[in-house]
Amino acid sequence: MSYELLGITVLWIFLFGYLIVASIDFGAGFFSYVSSITGKRHIINNVIERYLSPVWEVTNVFLIFFYVGLVGFFPDAAYYYGTALLVPGSLATILLAIRGSYYAFSTYGFKNNRVYMFLYGVSGWLIPAALSTVLAVSEGGYITEQGGYITFAFGKLFTNIYPYSVILLALVSVLYISAMFLTYYAAKAEDSAALEVVRKYALFWSTPTILASLFVFYAIRGHNLDHFNNMVSNAWMFILSFLFFLIAVFCVWKRRNYGWAFACVVLQFGFAWFGYGKAHLPYVLYPYVNIHDSITNPSMATAQIVVFILGLLILIPSLFLLLRLFLFDANYVKGNNIKLKGGLGNGEFSYLLRPADHRGLVHRIRILVGRPR
């Protein structure tokens, strides 16, 4: 496999990881706010917070890796995308700041404030919509280069149907992925009341997600016919994606195999995501940046591939350990205390841990030090 193909594959894997992890995170925050205005917060809030507590701080690691790698592997991308990313990038940064500030405010006395909860839930929901415009820009038609100057047609971006189809898909798929995961998580926690609520969310958002996907196919046909024809050539990947969608919805509808249902959701978006990425090749930005002409020098490409693969080898086991110790710990998932014991020097200690309220911090720690031996 060539440097450029291996590099874009690694980057695409990181972006797919962000798609899944961030969707669960942002969707859970939105459902937390919705439950507060529908009177169901007391039912599903514990399940949502037990998920958000350990993982919210690591969500953006995937995105950072992707953008750093994109500029490192394909330097021309920074030149062409610089102006295009000004508005959506700034908007996403502001939304991330608003969402992050919620954790500080909720810790220091504003835990159930409706205004802060609204900003938290809606800002997280809009972040994928802001970032998704980059995919629309990558299809071409918005950036022109004349006389060594880059011009970005902001007006055309907001008057074309394709960007709206991508934004709509981002909005509904975030809620669908999150609801599917929370359904599985509530079932694992044996919380039947929360399960009924999030199960209805999952079934409700499944139909808009598949309709929005079809809308993207329709819109891209009128915007970039070459890319559409490439997608048709790889139709088997999208057919498999649709089959996994049917299996996932069927399992949730029949109230069984929730773990397999969420696995099918990951496969559903995996086949669609990599099918889209394969059809988009060789372009990073149509028609100016392609992976063959814009790849960095071989020595730099080799170094970055090694670093990013090592990053994956560190990040994936770390996430597995996080899931194993917290999210899927038998006591933690049910909201029970977690008791740890150990020794330190000449003393002994024990910890009594409870799931954190909003952050990956210990809610209560009790340390008992024994007498010196």
Foldseek 3Di string as FASTA:
>chain_A
DDLLVLLVVLLLVLVLQLLQLLLLLLLLLQVCLVCLVVVNNVQAVLLSQLVQAEPVVPSCVSVVLNVVSCCLFFVVCCVQCVVVVPVLVVLLVVLVVLLVVLVVVCVVPCVPPSVSSVSNNVSSLCNQLSVQLLVVQQLDDAWDADPNDIHGNPVCSVVAPQSVLSSQLSNLLSNLLNLLVSLVLCVLLVSVRNNVVSLVSNLVSLVSNVVSVVVNLVRVCVVHVQLSVLLVVVVVLQVLLVVLSVVLNVCSVVVHDSVSSSVSNSSSVVSVSVSSVVSSPQTSHPPPHGSPPRTDDPVSSVVSSVVSVVVCVVVVVVVVVSCPVRSNDSQRSNFHWDKDWDDDQQWTWIWTFTRDRRYNDTPDTDIDTDDGD
